[in-house]
Amino acid sequence: MRTVRDLARLEKLRAMPDMGPMEYAEAYSWIHFLRHGPTQIRDLLPAYLAQPHLRPQKNLAWQLAQRLGNVDEAWRRHMEFPLPMARR
């Protein structure tokens, strides 16, 4: 299984052509984690997107580590949680 270091790698990608199917899936999982994961991180993504001039200094991987400590474990726990069935 990949680790939080991959979030830092994903943050360095600058254009969609730089992403393959695996990078897209990883990025989607991180967005889901940031939006629906632990409550103490749910404000990070909106704040990050609102301040593009700060991105090089304070990337999301670093900010997550500051708030959660063991980001890998929190991400794994979140991704193991069963998703609700889609309603038809």
N, C-alpha and C. Protein backbone atom coordinates (compact mmCIF):
# COMPACT_ATOMS: atom_id res chain seq x y z
N MET A 1 0.84 -1.19 0.00
CA MET A 1 0.00 0.00 0.00
C MET A 1 0.88 1.24 0.00
N ARG A 2 0.45 2.24 -0.69
CA ARG A 2 1.21 3.48 -0.76
C ARG A 2 1.05 4.30 0.51
N THR A 3 1.84 5.34 0.65
CA THR A 3 1.86 6.11 1.90
C THR A 3 1.61 7.59 1.62
N VAL A 4 1.61 8.36 2.68
CA VAL A 4 1.35 9.80 2.58
C VAL A 4 2.40 10.50 1.70
N ARG A 5 3.55 9.92 1.57
CA ARG A 5 4.55 10.53 0.68
C ARG A 5 4.00 10.68 -0.73
N ASP A 6 3.09 9.80 -1.10
CA ASP A 6 2.51 9.89 -2.43
C ASP A 6 1.63 11.12 -2.59
N LEU A 7 1.05 11.63 -1.50
CA LEU A 7 0.29 12.87 -1.59
C LEU A 7 1.23 14.00 -1.97
N ALA A 8 2.38 14.04 -1.36
CA ALA A 8 3.36 15.08 -1.70
C ALA A 8 3.78 14.96 -3.17
N ARG A 9 3.93 13.72 -3.64
CA ARG A 9 4.28 13.51 -5.05
C ARG A 9 3.15 14.00 -5.96
N LEU A 10 1.92 13.68 -5.60
CA LEU A 10 0.78 14.13 -6.40
C LEU A 10 0.68 15.65 -6.44
N GLU A 11 1.01 16.30 -5.33
CA GLU A 11 0.94 17.76 -5.29
C GLU A 11 1.93 18.41 -6.25
N LYS A 12 2.96 17.71 -6.63
CA LYS A 12 3.96 18.26 -7.55
C LYS A 12 3.54 18.17 -9.01
N LEU A 13 2.54 17.35 -9.31
CA LEU A 13 2.05 17.25 -10.68
C LEU A 13 1.34 18.55 -11.06
N ARG A 14 1.58 19.03 -12.26
CA ARG A 14 1.06 20.34 -12.66
C ARG A 14 -0.03 20.28 -13.72
N ALA A 15 -0.19 19.17 -14.40
CA ALA A 15 -1.17 19.11 -15.49
C ALA A 15 -1.77 17.71 -15.55
N MET A 16 -3.00 17.63 -16.03
CA MET A 16 -3.69 16.34 -16.16
C MET A 16 -2.90 15.32 -16.98
N PRO A 17 -2.22 15.72 -18.05
CA PRO A 17 -1.45 14.73 -18.81
C PRO A 17 -0.32 14.08 -17.99
N ASP A 18 0.05 14.71 -16.87
CA ASP A 18 1.08 14.14 -16.00
C ASP A 18 0.53 12.97 -15.16
N MET A 19 -0.78 12.80 -15.18
CA MET A 19 -1.42 11.77 -14.36
C MET A 19 -1.86 10.58 -15.20
N GLY A 20 -1.57 9.40 -14.71
CA GLY A 20 -2.09 8.18 -15.29
C GLY A 20 -3.28 7.74 -14.47
N PRO A 21 -3.86 6.59 -14.80
CA PRO A 21 -5.03 6.10 -14.05
C PRO A 21 -4.76 5.91 -12.56
N MET A 22 -3.57 5.45 -12.19
CA MET A 22 -3.25 5.24 -10.78
C MET A 22 -3.16 6.57 -10.03
N GLU A 23 -2.53 7.55 -10.64
CA GLU A 23 -2.43 8.86 -9.99
C GLU A 23 -3.81 9.49 -9.82
N TYR A 24 -4.66 9.34 -10.82
CA TYR A 24 -6.01 9.88 -10.73
C TYR A 24 -6.77 9.21 -9.58
N ALA A 25 -6.67 7.90 -9.48
CA ALA A 25 -7.36 7.18 -8.41
C ALA A 25 -6.82 7.59 -7.04
N GLU A 26 -5.51 7.74 -6.93
CA GLU A 26 -4.91 8.18 -5.66
C GLU A 26 -5.38 9.58 -5.31
N ALA A 27 -5.39 10.48 -6.29
CA ALA A 27 -5.84 11.85 -6.04
C ALA A 27 -7.29 11.86 -5.57
N TYR A 28 -8.12 11.06 -6.20
CA TYR A 28 -9.53 10.98 -5.81
C TYR A 28 -9.65 10.49 -4.37
N SER A 29 -8.85 9.50 -4.00
CA SER A 29 -8.93 8.98 -2.64
C SER A 29 -8.52 10.04 -1.62
N TRP A 30 -7.52 10.86 -1.96
CA TRP A 30 -7.10 11.91 -1.05
C TRP A 30 -8.16 12.99 -0.92
N ILE A 31 -8.79 13.35 -2.04
CA ILE A 31 -9.86 14.35 -1.98
C ILE A 31 -11.00 13.82 -1.11
N HIS A 32 -11.36 12.57 -1.28
CA HIS A 32 -12.41 11.98 -0.44
C HIS A 32 -12.02 12.02 1.03
N PHE A 33 -10.79 11.66 1.32
CA PHE A 33 -10.30 11.69 2.70
C PHE A 33 -10.35 13.11 3.27
N LEU A 34 -9.92 14.09 2.48
CA LEU A 34 -9.91 15.47 2.95
C LEU A 34 -11.32 16.02 3.17
N ARG A 35 -12.26 15.59 2.38
CA ARG A 35 -13.64 16.10 2.49
C ARG A 35 -14.47 15.33 3.52
N HIS A 36 -14.22 14.02 3.66
CA HIS A 36 -15.08 13.18 4.48
C HIS A 36 -14.36 12.45 5.60
N GLY A 37 -13.07 12.69 5.76
CA GLY A 37 -12.29 12.02 6.78
C GLY A 37 -12.48 12.66 8.15
N PRO A 38 -11.47 12.59 8.98
CA PRO A 38 -11.57 13.14 10.34
C PRO A 38 -11.99 14.61 10.32
N THR A 39 -12.83 14.98 11.26
CA THR A 39 -13.37 16.35 11.28
C THR A 39 -12.28 17.41 11.41
N GLN A 40 -11.19 17.10 12.06
CA GLN A 40 -10.15 18.11 12.27
C GLN A 40 -9.37 18.47 11.00
N ILE A 41 -9.65 17.78 9.88
CA ILE A 41 -8.94 18.12 8.63
C ILE A 41 -9.87 18.63 7.53
N ARG A 42 -11.15 18.64 7.77
CA ARG A 42 -12.11 18.97 6.70
C ARG A 42 -12.00 20.40 6.19
N ASP A 43 -11.39 21.28 6.95
CA ASP A 43 -11.22 22.66 6.49
C ASP A 43 -9.94 22.86 5.67
N LEU A 44 -9.07 21.86 5.64
CA LEU A 44 -7.79 22.02 4.95
C LEU A 44 -7.92 22.24 3.44
N LEU A 45 -8.70 21.44 2.77
CA LEU A 45 -8.80 21.55 1.31
C LEU A 45 -9.38 22.89 0.87
N PRO A 46 -10.51 23.34 1.43
CA PRO A 46 -11.01 24.66 1.02
C PRO A 46 -10.00 25.78 1.29
N ALA A 47 -9.32 25.73 2.43
CA ALA A 47 -8.33 26.76 2.75
C ALA A 47 -7.15 26.69 1.79
N TYR A 48 -6.71 25.49 1.46
CA TYR A 48 -5.60 25.28 0.54
C TYR A 48 -5.94 25.84 -0.85
N LEU A 49 -7.14 25.54 -1.32
CA LEU A 49 -7.54 26.00 -2.65
C LEU A 49 -7.77 27.50 -2.69
N ALA A 50 -8.12 28.10 -1.57
CA ALA A 50 -8.36 29.55 -1.51
C ALA A 50 -7.08 30.36 -1.46
N GLN A 51 -5.95 29.74 -1.16
CA GLN A 51 -4.69 30.47 -1.01
C GLN A 51 -3.58 29.86 -1.86
N PRO A 52 -3.69 29.96 -3.18
CA PRO A 52 -2.68 29.32 -4.04
C PRO A 52 -1.26 29.84 -3.83
N HIS A 53 -1.12 31.08 -3.38
CA HIS A 53 0.21 31.64 -3.16
C HIS A 53 0.96 30.98 -2.01
N LEU A 54 0.27 30.27 -1.12
CA LEU A 54 0.92 29.60 0.01
C LEU A 54 1.26 28.15 -0.27
N ARG A 55 0.81 27.59 -1.38
CA ARG A 55 0.98 26.16 -1.64
C ARG A 55 2.41 25.66 -1.59
N PRO A 56 3.38 26.36 -2.16
CA PRO A 56 4.74 25.80 -2.08
C PRO A 56 5.27 25.70 -0.65
N GLN A 57 4.86 26.62 0.22
CA GLN A 57 5.38 26.62 1.59
C GLN A 57 4.66 25.61 2.48
N LYS A 58 3.36 25.44 2.29
CA LYS A 58 2.59 24.59 3.19
C LYS A 58 1.73 23.64 2.37
N ASN A 59 2.33 22.56 1.90
CA ASN A 59 1.56 21.61 1.10
C ASN A 59 0.61 20.81 1.98
N LEU A 60 -0.33 20.15 1.35
CA LEU A 60 -1.34 19.39 2.10
C LEU A 60 -0.73 18.25 2.91
N ALA A 61 0.25 17.57 2.36
CA ALA A 61 0.89 16.46 3.09
C ALA A 61 1.46 16.96 4.41
N TRP A 62 2.13 18.10 4.39
CA TRP A 62 2.71 18.68 5.60
C TRP A 62 1.61 19.09 6.58
N GLN A 63 0.57 19.75 6.07
CA GLN A 63 -0.51 20.20 6.94
C GLN A 63 -1.25 19.03 7.59
N LEU A 64 -1.46 17.97 6.82
CA LEU A 64 -2.11 16.78 7.38
C LEU A 64 -1.27 16.18 8.51
N ALA A 65 0.02 16.10 8.29
CA ALA A 65 0.91 15.54 9.32
C ALA A 65 0.86 16.38 10.59
N GLN A 66 0.77 17.69 10.44
CA GLN A 66 0.70 18.57 11.61
C GLN A 66 -0.58 18.32 12.42
N ARG A 67 -1.66 18.03 11.74
CA ARG A 67 -2.94 17.85 12.43
C ARG A 67 -3.20 16.43 12.90
N LEU A 68 -2.75 15.45 12.14
CA LEU A 68 -3.11 14.07 12.44
C LEU A 68 -1.98 13.23 13.01
N GLY A 69 -0.76 13.66 12.83
CA GLY A 69 0.35 12.81 13.24
C GLY A 69 0.55 11.71 12.23
N ASN A 70 -0.02 10.54 12.47
CA ASN A 70 0.13 9.40 11.58
C ASN A 70 -0.94 9.44 10.48
N VAL A 71 -0.64 10.16 9.41
CA VAL A 71 -1.60 10.35 8.32
C VAL A 71 -1.86 9.02 7.61
N ASP A 72 -0.83 8.22 7.42
CA ASP A 72 -1.01 6.93 6.75
C ASP A 72 -2.09 6.09 7.45
N GLU A 73 -2.00 6.01 8.75
CA GLU A 73 -2.96 5.20 9.51
C GLU A 73 -4.36 5.78 9.42
N ALA A 74 -4.49 7.09 9.54
CA ALA A 74 -5.82 7.73 9.44
C ALA A 74 -6.42 7.52 8.06
N TRP A 75 -5.60 7.63 7.01
CA TRP A 75 -6.07 7.42 5.64
C TRP A 75 -6.52 5.97 5.45
N ARG A 76 -5.72 5.03 5.94
CA ARG A 76 -6.08 3.61 5.82
C ARG A 76 -7.39 3.29 6.54
N ARG A 77 -7.55 3.82 7.76
CA ARG A 77 -8.79 3.59 8.51
C ARG A 77 -9.98 4.16 7.75
N HIS A 78 -9.82 5.33 7.18
CA HIS A 78 -10.91 5.96 6.43
C HIS A 78 -11.26 5.14 5.19
N MET A 79 -10.26 4.66 4.48
CA MET A 79 -10.51 3.93 3.24
C MET A 79 -11.05 2.53 3.50
N GLU A 80 -10.89 2.00 4.70
CA GLU A 80 -11.44 0.68 5.03
C GLU A 80 -12.89 0.76 5.45
N PHE A 81 -13.38 1.96 5.75
CA PHE A 81 -14.76 2.12 6.18
C PHE A 81 -15.70 1.76 5.04
N PRO A 82 -16.69 0.91 5.29
CA PRO A 82 -17.60 0.52 4.19
C PRO A 82 -18.43 1.70 3.71
N LEU A 83 -18.49 1.85 2.41
CA LEU A 83 -19.27 2.93 1.81
C LEU A 83 -20.74 2.51 1.73
N PRO A 84 -21.65 3.47 1.89
CA PRO A 84 -23.07 3.12 1.77
C PRO A 84 -23.40 2.71 0.33
N MET A 85 -24.38 1.87 0.19
CA MET A 85 -24.83 1.44 -1.13
C MET A 85 -25.44 2.62 -1.88
N ALA A 86 -25.19 2.68 -3.17
CA ALA A 86 -25.78 3.73 -3.99
C ALA A 86 -27.29 3.51 -4.07
N ARG A 87 -28.00 4.60 -3.95
CA ARG A 87 -29.46 4.49 -4.05
C ARG A 87 -29.88 4.64 -5.50
N ARG A 88 -30.91 3.89 -5.86
CA ARG A 88 -31.40 3.95 -7.25
C ARG A 88 -32.69 4.72 -7.32
